[in-house]
Amino acid sequence: MLVRLGDHLGRNPVAYPQLSFIHNPRPVVGRIVSYAASVRLRILDREGIGATMSRVSKWIAGCFFWAFVLFVLAVLLTILFQ
């Protein structure tokens, strides 16, 4: 299971066994990746891309909110314990 670099770059073929996993993944990894992609597509089909993006943006906004709360708390504690 060797990859010939020349097949991809148009040079003289040089065998790189360490690249064989990248270009020709094991069947188990391929099955896991394809299953995850199909599940993700089914979720997008059911909810629509807008609902998914809305959920992601709410999660990001929540992260920024809690980061701001922790920052304000740190400033207040710094002022209190000077």
N, C-alpha and C. Protein backbone atom coordinates (compact mmCIF):
# COMPACT_ATOMS: atom_id res chain seq x y z
N MET A 1 0.85 -1.18 0.00
CA MET A 1 0.00 0.00 0.00
C MET A 1 0.89 1.24 0.00
N LEU A 2 1.59 1.48 -1.05
CA LEU A 2 2.48 2.62 -1.15
C LEU A 2 1.87 3.68 -2.04
N VAL A 3 2.16 4.92 -1.72
CA VAL A 3 1.72 6.03 -2.57
C VAL A 3 2.92 6.49 -3.37
N ARG A 4 2.71 6.67 -4.64
CA ARG A 4 3.79 7.17 -5.47
C ARG A 4 3.60 8.67 -5.60
N LEU A 5 4.57 9.41 -5.07
CA LEU A 5 4.48 10.86 -5.07
C LEU A 5 4.43 11.42 -6.49
N GLY A 6 5.08 10.76 -7.42
CA GLY A 6 5.08 11.23 -8.79
C GLY A 6 3.71 11.18 -9.44
N ASP A 7 2.85 10.28 -8.98
CA ASP A 7 1.50 10.21 -9.53
C ASP A 7 0.72 11.49 -9.23
N HIS A 8 1.06 12.14 -8.11
CA HIS A 8 0.32 13.33 -7.71
C HIS A 8 1.00 14.61 -8.16
N LEU A 9 2.32 14.61 -8.21
CA LEU A 9 3.05 15.84 -8.52
C LEU A 9 3.61 15.89 -9.93
N GLY A 10 3.50 14.80 -10.69
CA GLY A 10 4.00 14.79 -12.05
C GLY A 10 5.50 14.65 -12.15
N ARG A 11 6.16 14.17 -11.10
CA ARG A 11 7.60 13.96 -11.13
C ARG A 11 7.87 12.48 -11.26
N ASN A 12 9.15 12.14 -11.17
CA ASN A 12 9.49 10.73 -11.14
C ASN A 12 8.89 10.11 -9.88
N PRO A 13 8.26 8.96 -10.02
CA PRO A 13 7.59 8.38 -8.85
C PRO A 13 8.59 7.99 -7.76
N VAL A 14 8.30 8.46 -6.57
CA VAL A 14 9.09 8.09 -5.39
C VAL A 14 8.11 7.53 -4.38
N ALA A 15 8.40 6.37 -3.84
CA ALA A 15 7.47 5.74 -2.90
C ALA A 15 7.64 6.33 -1.51
N TYR A 16 6.53 6.75 -0.93
CA TYR A 16 6.52 7.25 0.44
C TYR A 16 5.52 6.43 1.25
N PRO A 17 5.98 5.42 1.99
CA PRO A 17 5.02 4.60 2.73
C PRO A 17 4.27 5.37 3.81
N GLN A 18 4.86 6.43 4.36
CA GLN A 18 4.16 7.15 5.42
C GLN A 18 2.97 7.94 4.89
N LEU A 19 2.91 8.19 3.58
CA LEU A 19 1.77 8.90 3.01
C LEU A 19 0.62 7.97 2.64
N SER A 20 0.85 6.67 2.74
CA SER A 20 -0.19 5.74 2.29
C SER A 20 -1.45 5.86 3.12
N PHE A 21 -1.32 6.18 4.41
CA PHE A 21 -2.51 6.30 5.25
C PHE A 21 -3.32 7.52 4.87
N ILE A 22 -2.64 8.61 4.47
CA ILE A 22 -3.35 9.84 4.13
C ILE A 22 -4.14 9.66 2.84
N HIS A 23 -3.52 9.07 1.83
CA HIS A 23 -4.18 8.98 0.53
C HIS A 23 -5.08 7.77 0.41
N ASN A 24 -4.83 6.75 1.19
CA ASN A 24 -5.63 5.54 1.12
C ASN A 24 -5.92 5.06 2.54
N PRO A 25 -6.88 5.72 3.23
CA PRO A 25 -7.11 5.39 4.63
C PRO A 25 -7.63 3.97 4.80
N ARG A 26 -7.43 3.46 5.96
CA ARG A 26 -7.92 2.11 6.25
C ARG A 26 -9.43 2.09 6.13
N PRO A 27 -10.00 0.95 5.78
CA PRO A 27 -11.46 0.89 5.58
C PRO A 27 -12.26 1.30 6.81
N VAL A 28 -11.77 1.01 8.01
CA VAL A 28 -12.52 1.37 9.22
C VAL A 28 -12.61 2.88 9.35
N VAL A 29 -11.52 3.57 9.13
CA VAL A 29 -11.53 5.03 9.21
C VAL A 29 -12.45 5.61 8.15
N GLY A 30 -12.39 5.06 6.95
CA GLY A 30 -13.27 5.53 5.88
C GLY A 30 -14.73 5.35 6.22
N ARG A 31 -15.06 4.22 6.83
CA ARG A 31 -16.46 3.98 7.22
C ARG A 31 -16.90 4.96 8.30
N ILE A 32 -16.02 5.22 9.27
CA ILE A 32 -16.37 6.14 10.35
C ILE A 32 -16.60 7.55 9.79
N VAL A 33 -15.71 7.99 8.91
CA VAL A 33 -15.84 9.33 8.34
C VAL A 33 -17.10 9.44 7.49
N SER A 34 -17.38 8.44 6.67
CA SER A 34 -18.57 8.52 5.82
C SER A 34 -19.85 8.46 6.66
N TYR A 35 -19.83 7.67 7.74
CA TYR A 35 -21.01 7.61 8.61
C TYR A 35 -21.24 8.95 9.29
N ALA A 36 -20.16 9.57 9.79
CA ALA A 36 -20.30 10.87 10.45
C ALA A 36 -20.81 11.92 9.46
N ALA A 37 -20.32 11.88 8.23
CA ALA A 37 -20.77 12.84 7.22
C ALA A 37 -22.24 12.62 6.88
N SER A 38 -22.67 11.37 6.79
CA SER A 38 -24.08 11.11 6.46
C SER A 38 -24.99 11.54 7.60
N VAL A 39 -24.56 11.32 8.84
CA VAL A 39 -25.36 11.77 9.99
C VAL A 39 -25.46 13.29 9.98
N ARG A 40 -24.35 13.97 9.70
CA ARG A 40 -24.36 15.43 9.67
C ARG A 40 -25.28 15.94 8.56
N LEU A 41 -25.24 15.30 7.39
CA LEU A 41 -26.12 15.72 6.31
C LEU A 41 -27.58 15.49 6.66
N ARG A 42 -27.87 14.38 7.34
CA ARG A 42 -29.26 14.14 7.74
C ARG A 42 -29.74 15.20 8.72
N ILE A 43 -28.87 15.61 9.65
CA ILE A 43 -29.24 16.66 10.60
C ILE A 43 -29.49 17.97 9.86
N LEU A 44 -28.62 18.30 8.90
CA LEU A 44 -28.80 19.54 8.13
C LEU A 44 -30.08 19.49 7.31
N ASP A 45 -30.40 18.32 6.74
CA ASP A 45 -31.62 18.21 5.95
C ASP A 45 -32.86 18.37 6.83
N ARG A 46 -32.79 17.83 8.04
CA ARG A 46 -33.95 17.89 8.92
C ARG A 46 -34.16 19.31 9.46
N GLU A 47 -33.09 19.95 9.90
CA GLU A 47 -33.21 21.25 10.54
C GLU A 47 -33.10 22.41 9.57
N GLY A 48 -32.37 22.21 8.51
CA GLY A 48 -32.07 23.31 7.61
C GLY A 48 -30.78 23.98 8.04
N ILE A 49 -30.09 24.58 7.10
CA ILE A 49 -28.80 25.18 7.40
C ILE A 49 -28.95 26.39 8.30
N GLY A 50 -30.07 27.09 8.21
CA GLY A 50 -30.29 28.27 9.06
C GLY A 50 -30.38 27.92 10.53
N ALA A 51 -31.09 26.83 10.84
CA ALA A 51 -31.23 26.42 12.23
C ALA A 51 -29.88 26.00 12.80
N THR A 52 -29.10 25.29 11.99
CA THR A 52 -27.79 24.85 12.47
C THR A 52 -26.88 26.04 12.70
N MET A 53 -26.87 27.00 11.78
CA MET A 53 -26.02 28.17 11.95
C MET A 53 -26.49 29.01 13.13
N SER A 54 -27.80 29.06 13.34
CA SER A 54 -28.33 29.80 14.48
C SER A 54 -27.87 29.16 15.78
N ARG A 55 -27.88 27.83 15.82
CA ARG A 55 -27.43 27.13 17.03
C ARG A 55 -25.95 27.38 17.27
N VAL A 56 -25.15 27.37 16.22
CA VAL A 56 -23.72 27.61 16.35
C VAL A 56 -23.47 29.05 16.81
N SER A 57 -24.19 30.00 16.23
CA SER A 57 -23.97 31.40 16.62
C SER A 57 -24.41 31.65 18.06
N LYS A 58 -25.46 30.96 18.52
CA LYS A 58 -25.86 31.08 19.92
C LYS A 58 -24.79 30.52 20.84
N TRP A 59 -24.17 29.43 20.44
CA TRP A 59 -23.11 28.83 21.26
C TRP A 59 -21.91 29.78 21.33
N ILE A 60 -21.55 30.39 20.20
CA ILE A 60 -20.42 31.33 20.18
C ILE A 60 -20.75 32.56 21.03
N ALA A 61 -21.98 33.06 20.90
CA ALA A 61 -22.38 34.21 21.70
C ALA A 61 -22.36 33.87 23.19
N GLY A 62 -22.76 32.67 23.54
CA GLY A 62 -22.70 32.24 24.94
C GLY A 62 -21.28 32.20 25.46
N CYS A 63 -20.36 31.74 24.64
CA CYS A 63 -18.94 31.71 25.04
C CYS A 63 -18.42 33.12 25.28
N PHE A 64 -18.76 34.05 24.39
CA PHE A 64 -18.32 35.43 24.58
C PHE A 64 -18.95 36.04 25.83
N PHE A 65 -20.22 35.73 26.09
CA PHE A 65 -20.90 36.25 27.27
C PHE A 65 -20.21 35.79 28.54
N TRP A 66 -19.94 34.48 28.64
CA TRP A 66 -19.31 33.97 29.86
C TRP A 66 -17.87 34.44 29.98
N ALA A 67 -17.19 34.65 28.88
CA ALA A 67 -15.84 35.22 28.94
C ALA A 67 -15.89 36.64 29.49
N PHE A 68 -16.89 37.41 29.07
CA PHE A 68 -17.06 38.77 29.58
C PHE A 68 -17.40 38.76 31.07
N VAL A 69 -18.29 37.86 31.48
CA VAL A 69 -18.65 37.76 32.90
C VAL A 69 -17.43 37.42 33.74
N LEU A 70 -16.62 36.46 33.28
CA LEU A 70 -15.42 36.10 34.03
C LEU A 70 -14.42 37.24 34.07
N PHE A 71 -14.33 38.01 32.99
CA PHE A 71 -13.43 39.16 32.96
C PHE A 71 -13.87 40.21 33.98
N VAL A 72 -15.16 40.52 34.00
CA VAL A 72 -15.67 41.50 34.96
C VAL A 72 -15.45 41.01 36.39
N LEU A 73 -15.68 39.73 36.63
CA LEU A 73 -15.46 39.16 37.95
C LEU A 73 -14.00 39.26 38.35
N ALA A 74 -13.10 39.00 37.42
CA ALA A 74 -11.67 39.10 37.72
C ALA A 74 -11.28 40.54 38.04
N VAL A 75 -11.83 41.50 37.30
CA VAL A 75 -11.53 42.91 37.57
C VAL A 75 -12.05 43.30 38.95
N LEU A 76 -13.27 42.89 39.28
CA LEU A 76 -13.84 43.23 40.59
C LEU A 76 -13.03 42.60 41.72
N LEU A 77 -12.64 41.36 41.56
CA LEU A 77 -11.83 40.70 42.60
C LEU A 77 -10.46 41.36 42.73
N THR A 78 -9.90 41.80 41.62
CA THR A 78 -8.61 42.49 41.67
C THR A 78 -8.74 43.81 42.42
N ILE A 79 -9.83 44.53 42.18
CA ILE A 79 -10.04 45.80 42.87
C ILE A 79 -10.28 45.56 44.36
N LEU A 80 -11.04 44.54 44.70
CA LEU A 80 -11.35 44.25 46.10
C LEU A 80 -10.13 43.84 46.90
N PHE A 81 -9.25 43.05 46.32
CA PHE A 81 -8.13 42.47 47.07
C PHE A 81 -6.81 43.18 46.79
N GLN A 82 -6.85 44.47 46.52
CA GLN A 82 -5.60 45.21 46.30
C GLN A 82 -4.92 45.49 47.62
